[in-house]
Amino acid sequence: MTFSVFFLQVLFLSFFAPTPEAKEKVPPAKLQWLTLNQAIEKNKTKPKKILIDVYTDWCGWCKKMDKQVYQNPQIVEQLNEDFYVVKLNAEQRQNVTIDGKTYRYMEKYRAHELALSLLNGEMSYPNTVFLNEKLQVMQRVPGFLPAKEFARVLAFISKK
């Protein structure tokens, strides 16, 4: 075999061979979003803290939080490991019943009664509410936080 034929074979094989990065790529993990009722049920058999992302459809910072924070691989990993995660649209019209109590949309406040209760009436979005394993509010974190700062909050809350 001549050098030029050998060179062409090597070049051809290297062009079509998968790169080490391509072999190692694993699809990114996604958050396992639940309803609050689902999180409460799971908490009964495997207690974890619950993160509730209180948002609205019109909130630009909420969308930024979804893209930059809740899709960050490190955040996703930590949340899936240490928390049950719930999304709650603060303006949803559907009733939510928890432990026999029904929460409704309240036209007067243009907000859902459950969101009003969780946020203690201080309505700002996005707002992250952390519940402990006994379903008590541990912390409310209003506003957008970049992933790095949000990771610090998660580390602190998960140790409580």
C-alpha atoms as a PDB file:
ATOM      1  CA  MET A   1       0.000   0.000   0.000  1.00  0.00           C
ATOM      2  CA  THR A   2       1.362   3.338  -0.948  1.00  0.00           C
ATOM      3  CA  PHE A   3       1.642   6.192   1.475  1.00  0.00           C
ATOM      4  CA  SER A   4      -1.003   8.266  -0.317  1.00  0.00           C
ATOM      5  CA  VAL A   5      -3.594   5.413  -0.229  1.00  0.00           C
ATOM      6  CA  PHE A   6      -2.838   4.804   3.473  1.00  0.00           C
ATOM      7  CA  PHE A   7      -3.122   8.534   4.197  1.00  0.00           C
ATOM      8  CA  LEU A   8      -6.483   8.715   2.414  1.00  0.00           C
ATOM      9  CA  GLN A   9      -7.811   5.726   4.391  1.00  0.00           C
ATOM     10  CA  VAL A  10      -6.748   7.266   7.708  1.00  0.00           C
ATOM     11  CA  LEU A  11      -8.205  10.612   6.707  1.00  0.00           C
ATOM     12  CA  PHE A  12     -11.472   8.971   5.638  1.00  0.00           C
ATOM     13  CA  LEU A  13     -11.774   6.940   8.856  1.00  0.00           C
ATOM     14  CA  SER A  14     -10.944   9.892  11.089  1.00  0.00           C
ATOM     15  CA  PHE A  15     -13.514  12.046   9.306  1.00  0.00           C
ATOM     16  CA  PHE A  16     -16.346   9.587   9.973  1.00  0.00           C
ATOM     17  CA  ALA A  17     -15.217   8.234  13.337  1.00  0.00           C
ATOM     18  CA  PRO A  18     -17.152   9.607  16.298  1.00  0.00           C
ATOM     19  CA  THR A  19     -15.227  12.029  18.441  1.00  0.00           C
ATOM     20  CA  PRO A  20     -14.705  11.228  22.126  1.00  0.00           C
ATOM     21  CA  GLU A  21     -17.069  14.091  22.979  1.00  0.00           C
ATOM     22  CA  ALA A  22     -19.800  12.618  20.768  1.00  0.00           C
ATOM     23  CA  LYS A  23     -19.482   9.221  22.459  1.00  0.00           C
ATOM     24  CA  GLU A  24     -19.780  10.758  25.927  1.00  0.00           C
ATOM     25  CA  LYS A  25     -22.731  13.046  25.251  1.00  0.00           C
ATOM     26  CA  VAL A  26     -25.675  12.121  27.401  1.00  0.00           C
ATOM     27  CA  PRO A  27     -28.974  13.915  26.953  1.00  0.00           C
ATOM     28  CA  PRO A  28     -29.319  16.581  29.616  1.00  0.00           C
ATOM     29  CA  ALA A  29     -31.432  15.684  32.616  1.00  0.00           C
ATOM     30  CA  LYS A  30     -34.749  17.442  32.955  1.00  0.00           C
ATOM     31  CA  LEU A  31     -36.609  18.502  36.027  1.00  0.00           C
ATOM     32  CA  GLN A  32     -39.382  16.213  37.146  1.00  0.00           C
ATOM     33  CA  TRP A  33     -42.096  18.860  37.632  1.00  0.00           C
ATOM     34  CA  LEU A  34     -45.033  17.705  39.735  1.00  0.00           C
ATOM     35  CA  THR A  35     -48.319  19.120  40.907  1.00  0.00           C
ATOM     36  CA  LEU A  36     -48.384  20.079  44.567  1.00  0.00           C
ATOM     37  CA  ASN A  37     -50.661  17.111  45.290  1.00  0.00           C
ATOM     38  CA  GLN A  38     -48.208  14.730  43.589  1.00  0.00           C
ATOM     39  CA  ALA A  39     -45.304  16.178  45.605  1.00  0.00           C
ATOM     40  CA  ILE A  40     -47.272  15.816  48.845  1.00  0.00           C
ATOM     41  CA  GLU A  41     -48.072  12.180  48.022  1.00  0.00           C
ATOM     42  CA  LYS A  42     -44.437  11.374  47.181  1.00  0.00           C
ATOM     43  CA  ASN A  43     -43.340  13.152  50.360  1.00  0.00           C
ATOM     44  CA  LYS A  44     -45.397  10.675  52.421  1.00  0.00           C
ATOM     45  CA  THR A  45     -43.278   7.715  51.324  1.00  0.00           C
ATOM     46  CA  LYS A  46     -39.960   9.461  50.666  1.00  0.00           C
ATOM     47  CA  PRO A  47     -39.722  12.761  52.559  1.00  0.00           C
ATOM     48  CA  LYS A  48     -37.957  15.585  50.727  1.00  0.00           C
ATOM     49  CA  LYS A  49     -38.204  19.316  50.741  1.00  0.00           C
ATOM     50  CA  ILE A  50     -40.535  20.833  48.146  1.00  0.00           C
ATOM     51  CA  LEU A  51     -39.651  23.743  45.876  1.00  0.00           C
ATOM     52  CA  ILE A  52     -42.625  25.630  44.456  1.00  0.00           C
ATOM     53  CA  ASP A  53     -41.946  27.916  41.501  1.00  0.00           C
ATOM     54  CA  VAL A  54     -44.725  30.513  41.631  1.00  0.00           C
ATOM     55  CA  TYR A  55     -44.971  32.183  38.220  1.00  0.00           C
ATOM     56  CA  THR A  56     -47.333  33.850  35.759  1.00  0.00           C
ATOM     57  CA  ASP A  57     -47.593  33.417  31.998  1.00  0.00           C
ATOM     58  CA  TRP A  58     -46.823  37.097  31.307  1.00  0.00           C
ATOM     59  CA  CYS A  59     -43.739  37.318  33.548  1.00  0.00           C
ATOM     60  CA  GLY A  60     -40.524  37.828  31.552  1.00  0.00           C
ATOM     61  CA  TRP A  61     -38.283  37.108  34.547  1.00  0.00           C
ATOM     62  CA  CYS A  62     -40.165  33.832  35.089  1.00  0.00           C
ATOM     63  CA  LYS A  63     -39.333  32.779  31.534  1.00  0.00           C
ATOM     64  CA  LYS A  64     -35.704  33.772  32.072  1.00  0.00           C
ATOM     65  CA  MET A  65     -35.647  31.677  35.262  1.00  0.00           C
ATOM     66  CA  ASP A  66     -37.021  28.695  33.304  1.00  0.00           C
ATOM     67  CA  LYS A  67     -34.342  28.990  30.613  1.00  0.00           C
ATOM     68  CA  GLN A  68     -31.273  30.020  32.582  1.00  0.00           C
ATOM     69  CA  VAL A  69     -31.819  28.370  35.948  1.00  0.00           C
ATOM     70  CA  TYR A  70     -34.243  25.463  35.681  1.00  0.00           C
ATOM     71  CA  GLN A  71     -32.400  24.076  32.641  1.00  0.00           C
ATOM     72  CA  ASN A  72     -28.911  24.439  34.143  1.00  0.00           C
ATOM     73  CA  PRO A  73     -27.519  20.867  34.469  1.00  0.00           C
ATOM     74  CA  GLN A  74     -26.119  21.391  37.990  1.00  0.00           C
ATOM     75  CA  ILE A  75     -29.375  22.947  39.223  1.00  0.00           C
ATOM     76  CA  VAL A  76     -31.431  20.170  37.613  1.00  0.00           C
ATOM     77  CA  GLU A  77     -29.248  17.506  39.236  1.00  0.00           C
ATOM     78  CA  GLN A  78     -29.472  19.054  42.698  1.00  0.00           C
ATOM     79  CA  LEU A  79     -33.218  19.666  42.476  1.00  0.00           C
ATOM     80  CA  ASN A  80     -33.986  16.149  41.252  1.00  0.00           C
ATOM     81  CA  GLU A  81     -31.801  14.748  44.042  1.00  0.00           C
ATOM     82  CA  ASP A  82     -32.929  16.814  47.035  1.00  0.00           C
ATOM     83  CA  PHE A  83     -36.361  18.270  46.244  1.00  0.00           C
ATOM     84  CA  TYR A  84     -39.750  17.670  44.752  1.00  0.00           C
ATOM     85  CA  VAL A  85     -40.327  20.523  42.307  1.00  0.00           C
ATOM     86  CA  VAL A  86     -43.710  22.100  41.635  1.00  0.00           C
ATOM     87  CA  LYS A  87     -44.811  24.825  39.216  1.00  0.00           C
ATOM     88  CA  LEU A  88     -47.725  26.946  40.336  1.00  0.00           C
ATOM     89  CA  ASN A  89     -49.276  29.496  38.020  1.00  0.00           C
ATOM     90  CA  ALA A  90     -50.332  32.263  40.405  1.00  0.00           C
ATOM     91  CA  GLU A  91     -53.193  33.177  38.047  1.00  0.00           C
ATOM     92  CA  GLN A  92     -54.508  29.713  37.247  1.00  0.00           C
ATOM     93  CA  ARG A  93     -58.282  29.326  37.267  1.00  0.00           C
ATOM     94  CA  GLN A  94     -58.405  25.644  38.287  1.00  0.00           C
ATOM     95  CA  ASN A  95     -59.258  24.813  41.876  1.00  0.00           C
ATOM     96  CA  VAL A  96     -56.648  22.968  43.915  1.00  0.00           C
ATOM     97  CA  THR A  97     -57.695  20.789  46.837  1.00  0.00           C
ATOM     98  CA  ILE A  98     -55.110  19.879  49.458  1.00  0.00           C
ATOM     99  CA  ASP A  99     -56.028  17.877  52.549  1.00  0.00           C
ATOM    100  CA  GLY A 100     -59.709  18.654  52.070  1.00  0.00           C
ATOM    101  CA  LYS A 101     -59.245  22.426  51.660  1.00  0.00           C
ATOM    102  CA  THR A 102     -60.055  23.845  48.227  1.00  0.00           C
ATOM    103  CA  TYR A 103     -58.102  26.853  46.970  1.00  0.00           C
ATOM    104  CA  ARG A 104     -59.725  28.946  44.228  1.00  0.00           C
ATOM    105  CA  TYR A 105     -58.875  31.771  41.876  1.00  0.00           C
ATOM    106  CA  MET A 106     -59.780  35.069  43.501  1.00  0.00           C
ATOM    107  CA  GLU A 107     -60.894  37.679  40.983  1.00  0.00           C
ATOM    108  CA  LYS A 108     -60.552  40.433  43.586  1.00  0.00           C
ATOM    109  CA  TYR A 109     -56.770  39.821  43.797  1.00  0.00           C
ATOM    110  CA  ARG A 110     -56.312  38.480  40.267  1.00  0.00           C
ATOM    111  CA  ALA A 111     -54.458  35.590  41.843  1.00  0.00           C
ATOM    112  CA  HIS A 112     -55.008  32.053  43.019  1.00  0.00           C
ATOM    113  CA  GLU A 113     -55.746  31.618  46.690  1.00  0.00           C
ATOM    114  CA  LEU A 114     -52.969  29.008  47.014  1.00  0.00           C
ATOM    115  CA  ALA A 115     -50.389  31.448  45.625  1.00  0.00           C
ATOM    116  CA  LEU A 116     -51.684  34.165  47.948  1.00  0.00           C
ATOM    117  CA  SER A 117     -51.321  31.807  50.880  1.00  0.00           C
ATOM    118  CA  LEU A 118     -47.838  30.559  49.946  1.00  0.00           C
ATOM    119  CA  LEU A 119     -46.538  34.081  49.293  1.00  0.00           C
ATOM    120  CA  ASN A 120     -48.232  35.523  52.363  1.00  0.00           C
ATOM    121  CA  GLY A 121     -50.002  38.023  50.112  1.00  0.00           C
ATOM    122  CA  GLU A 122     -46.713  39.498  48.829  1.00  0.00           C
ATOM    123  CA  MET A 123     -47.270  38.847  45.159  1.00  0.00           C
ATOM    124  CA  SER A 124     -44.136  39.156  43.034  1.00  0.00           C
ATOM    125  CA  TYR A 125     -42.902  36.873  40.276  1.00  0.00           C
ATOM    126  CA  PRO A 126     -41.032  34.703  39.971  1.00  0.00           C
ATOM    127  CA  ASN A 127     -41.125  33.627  43.574  1.00  0.00           C
ATOM    128  CA  THR A 128     -39.634  30.425  44.918  1.00  0.00           C
ATOM    129  CA  VAL A 129     -41.194  28.894  48.007  1.00  0.00           C
ATOM    130  CA  PHE A 130     -39.440  26.129  49.920  1.00  0.00           C
ATOM    131  CA  LEU A 131     -41.444  23.747  52.099  1.00  0.00           C
ATOM    132  CA  ASN A 132     -39.840  21.379  54.577  1.00  0.00           C
ATOM    133  CA  GLU A 133     -40.699  17.700  54.822  1.00  0.00           C
ATOM    134  CA  LYS A 134     -43.595  18.608  57.178  1.00  0.00           C
ATOM    135  CA  LEU A 135     -45.017  20.913  54.455  1.00  0.00           C
ATOM    136  CA  GLN A 136     -44.240  24.078  56.406  1.00  0.00           C
ATOM    137  CA  VAL A 137     -42.916  27.153  54.587  1.00  0.00           C
ATOM    138  CA  MET A 138     -39.184  27.364  55.249  1.00  0.00           C
ATOM    139  CA  GLN A 139     -38.249  30.230  52.970  1.00  0.00           C
ATOM    140  CA  ARG A 140     -39.604  32.491  50.248  1.00  0.00           C
ATOM    141  CA  VAL A 141     -37.148  33.776  47.659  1.00  0.00           C
ATOM    142  CA  PRO A 142     -38.658  36.527  45.508  1.00  0.00           C
ATOM    143  CA  GLY A 143     -37.312  37.464  42.094  1.00  0.00           C
ATOM    144  CA  PHE A 144     -34.917  36.071  39.545  1.00  0.00           C
ATOM    145  CA  LEU A 145     -31.618  34.629  40.751  1.00  0.00           C
ATOM    146  CA  PRO A 146     -28.823  33.623  38.350  1.00  0.00           C
ATOM    147  CA  ALA A 147     -27.948  29.917  38.424  1.00  0.00           C
ATOM    148  CA  LYS A 148     -24.800  30.395  40.507  1.00  0.00           C
ATOM    149  CA  GLU A 149     -26.674  32.262  43.257  1.00  0.00           C
ATOM    150  CA  PHE A 150     -29.637  29.895  43.036  1.00  0.00           C
ATOM    151  CA  ALA A 151     -27.267  26.943  43.552  1.00  0.00           C
ATOM    152  CA  ARG A 152     -26.071  28.570  46.793  1.00  0.00           C
ATOM    153  CA  VAL A 153     -29.660  28.937  47.989  1.00  0.00           C
ATOM    154  CA  LEU A 154     -30.358  25.277  47.168  1.00  0.00           C
ATOM    155  CA  ALA A 155     -27.242  24.158  49.042  1.00  0.00           C
ATOM    156  CA  PHE A 156     -28.281  26.182  52.090  1.00  0.00           C
ATOM    157  CA  ILE A 157     -31.912  25.023  52.055  1.00  0.00           C
ATOM    158  CA  SER A 158     -31.092  21.369  51.443  1.00  0.00           C
ATOM    159  CA  LYS A 159     -28.894  21.334  54.594  1.00  0.00           C
ATOM    160  CA  LYS A 160     -31.645  22.799  56.854  1.00  0.00           C
END
